Amino acid sequence: MAHVELSLTESPVPSARESQPDDALDRWARTVAAAPEPCLVIDGMSEIVAVSTAACELLGFPGQAAVVGRHLFGGILRLLDFTSKPSLLADGELEKIPPMLAFNSHRLARGLMRVRTGDVVRTIDAIATPLFDRDKVVGSLTFLSQI
């Protein structure tokens, strides 16, 4: 006579985010996290959703895990103005950088950014596009290149 043993365990309950269908921001986040090009994705609250390893190096971020989920301007990105003696970019100017401008305008945005990484100041060309989920802008994708 055959003997069958059955063991039941509780099935894990998915979080609210896991139970939702895959959205556009999630798909872009996975793509950017694995991309060889310097790029990043932010959401509507200026939170970093994903960043490539190359972008971390270019922008002076400590690494992907250290910045994903943090606010872009919360001490992460050190933006400078274009004066002869660079100083921190004024708060009113932060909305004009390409990642923010693409999200807010719902259009492609391009511009130069001056970034401090330790003692090094770099000028970066940034091209950003809004990310849509159906007809709603949910974030922006930015490609970066050092000049």
Protein backbone atom coordinates (compact mmCIF):
# COMPACT_ATOMS: atom_id res chain seq x y z
CA MET A 1 0.00 0.00 0.00
CA ALA A 2 1.38 3.42 -1.02
CA HIS A 3 1.82 6.07 1.64
CA VAL A 4 1.35 9.76 0.77
CA GLU A 5 2.28 12.50 3.17
CA LEU A 6 0.96 16.02 2.68
CA SER A 7 2.40 19.05 4.40
CA LEU A 8 0.69 22.43 4.28
CA THR A 9 2.40 25.71 4.98
CA GLU A 10 1.14 29.25 4.87
CA SER A 11 1.57 30.80 1.50
CA PRO A 12 3.38 34.13 1.58
CA VAL A 13 1.09 37.13 1.27
CA PRO A 14 2.38 39.46 -1.45
CA SER A 15 2.88 43.11 -0.59
CA ALA A 16 0.55 45.67 -2.13
CA ARG A 17 3.25 46.59 -4.69
CA GLU A 18 3.89 42.94 -5.64
CA SER A 19 0.22 42.20 -6.13
CA GLN A 20 -0.23 45.04 -8.59
CA PRO A 21 0.30 44.36 -12.28
CA ASP A 22 3.67 45.31 -13.74
CA ASP A 23 3.60 49.01 -14.66
CA ALA A 24 5.69 51.14 -16.99
CA LEU A 25 7.88 52.52 -14.21
CA ASP A 26 8.75 49.01 -12.99
CA ARG A 27 9.66 47.85 -16.50
CA TRP A 28 11.92 50.85 -17.09
CA ALA A 29 13.48 50.45 -13.64
CA ARG A 30 14.53 46.87 -14.39
CA THR A 31 15.97 47.90 -17.75
CA VAL A 32 17.91 50.87 -16.36
CA ALA A 33 19.30 48.94 -13.38
CA ALA A 34 20.97 46.51 -15.81
CA ALA A 35 21.92 49.05 -18.50
CA PRO A 36 25.58 49.58 -19.41
CA GLU A 37 24.88 53.24 -20.28
CA PRO A 38 24.76 55.98 -17.63
CA CYS A 39 21.04 56.50 -17.04
CA LEU A 40 18.49 56.90 -14.28
CA VAL A 41 14.74 56.82 -13.67
CA ILE A 42 12.92 59.06 -11.21
CA ASP A 43 9.26 59.09 -10.24
CA GLY A 44 6.90 62.03 -9.82
CA MET A 45 8.19 62.75 -6.32
CA SER A 46 11.82 63.02 -7.57
CA GLU A 47 12.63 59.70 -5.95
CA ILE A 48 15.29 57.59 -7.66
CA VAL A 49 13.55 54.45 -8.91
CA ALA A 50 16.58 53.00 -10.73
CA VAL A 51 20.10 53.97 -11.70
CA SER A 52 22.70 52.18 -13.78
CA THR A 53 26.14 51.37 -12.39
CA ALA A 54 27.71 53.67 -15.01
CA ALA A 55 25.49 56.56 -13.84
CA CYS A 56 26.52 55.91 -10.23
CA GLU A 57 30.17 56.27 -11.23
CA LEU A 58 29.54 59.38 -13.33
CA LEU A 59 27.43 61.15 -10.70
CA GLY A 60 29.51 60.07 -7.72
CA PHE A 61 26.79 57.95 -6.13
CA PRO A 62 28.04 55.32 -3.66
CA GLY A 63 26.15 52.56 -5.52
CA GLN A 64 22.74 51.51 -6.76
CA ALA A 65 21.49 50.10 -3.46
CA ALA A 66 22.52 53.26 -1.59
CA VAL A 67 20.49 55.65 -3.76
CA VAL A 68 17.44 53.77 -5.07
CA GLY A 69 14.43 54.92 -3.08
CA ARG A 70 16.03 58.20 -2.06
CA HIS A 71 15.07 61.69 -3.18
CA LEU A 72 17.25 62.94 -6.06
CA PHE A 73 18.09 66.15 -4.21
CA GLY A 74 18.24 64.73 -0.68
CA GLY A 75 22.02 65.03 -0.47
CA ILE A 76 22.47 62.58 -3.33
CA LEU A 77 23.07 64.76 -6.38
CA ARG A 78 25.39 67.72 -5.79
CA LEU A 79 24.47 70.18 -8.55
CA LEU A 80 26.46 73.37 -9.10
CA ASP A 81 25.74 76.52 -11.06
CA PHE A 82 27.77 77.58 -14.09
CA THR A 83 29.44 80.62 -12.53
CA SER A 84 33.24 80.98 -12.62
CA LYS A 85 33.38 79.99 -8.94
CA PRO A 86 30.78 77.17 -8.81
CA SER A 87 28.37 77.13 -5.89
CA LEU A 88 25.39 74.91 -5.10
CA LEU A 89 22.52 75.30 -7.53
CA ALA A 90 19.71 77.41 -6.10
CA ASP A 91 16.55 75.55 -5.07
CA GLY A 92 14.51 77.43 -7.70
CA GLU A 93 16.78 76.09 -10.44
CA LEU A 94 16.43 72.41 -9.48
CA GLU A 95 13.11 72.09 -11.33
CA LYS A 96 14.91 73.08 -14.55
CA ILE A 97 17.32 70.14 -14.76
CA PRO A 98 16.37 67.67 -17.51
CA PRO A 99 14.98 64.81 -15.34
CA MET A 100 12.60 67.20 -13.57
CA LEU A 101 11.78 69.27 -16.65
CA ALA A 102 10.82 66.18 -18.68
CA PHE A 103 8.47 65.02 -15.94
CA ASN A 104 6.87 68.43 -15.38
CA SER A 105 6.57 69.47 -19.04
CA HIS A 106 5.61 66.00 -20.36
CA ARG A 107 8.17 66.61 -23.13
CA LEU A 108 11.70 65.70 -24.04
CA ALA A 109 14.25 67.83 -22.16
CA ARG A 110 17.96 68.35 -22.71
CA GLY A 111 20.49 70.41 -20.87
CA LEU A 112 23.85 70.61 -19.21
CA MET A 113 24.36 69.93 -15.53
CA ARG A 114 27.44 70.69 -13.46
CA VAL A 115 27.97 68.02 -10.79
CA ARG A 116 30.46 67.79 -7.93
CA THR A 117 31.83 64.33 -7.22
CA GLY A 118 34.18 64.60 -4.26
CA ASP A 119 36.72 67.22 -5.36
CA VAL A 120 35.97 66.74 -9.07
CA VAL A 121 33.52 68.99 -10.93
CA ARG A 122 32.03 67.50 -14.10
CA THR A 123 29.82 68.91 -16.81
CA ILE A 124 27.23 66.40 -17.92
CA ASP A 125 24.94 66.44 -20.94
CA ALA A 126 21.54 65.06 -19.93
CA ILE A 127 18.68 64.02 -22.18
CA ALA A 128 15.43 63.11 -20.44
CA THR A 129 12.09 61.84 -21.60
CA PRO A 130 8.86 61.53 -19.63
CA LEU A 131 7.66 58.00 -18.92
CA PHE A 132 3.98 57.37 -19.48
CA ASP A 133 1.69 54.71 -18.08
CA ARG A 134 -1.23 54.95 -20.46
CA ASP A 135 -1.93 58.71 -20.59
CA LYS A 136 -0.36 59.65 -17.24
CA VAL A 137 3.27 60.71 -16.72
CA VAL A 138 4.71 58.53 -13.96
CA GLY A 139 8.40 59.43 -14.12
CA SER A 140 11.30 60.33 -16.35
CA LEU A 141 14.21 58.47 -17.91
CA THR A 142 17.48 60.36 -18.28
CA PHE A 143 20.59 59.43 -20.25
CA LEU A 144 23.84 61.08 -19.18
CA SER A 145 27.13 61.78 -20.91
CA GLN A 146 30.20 63.53 -19.55
CA ILE A 147 31.45 66.43 -21.65
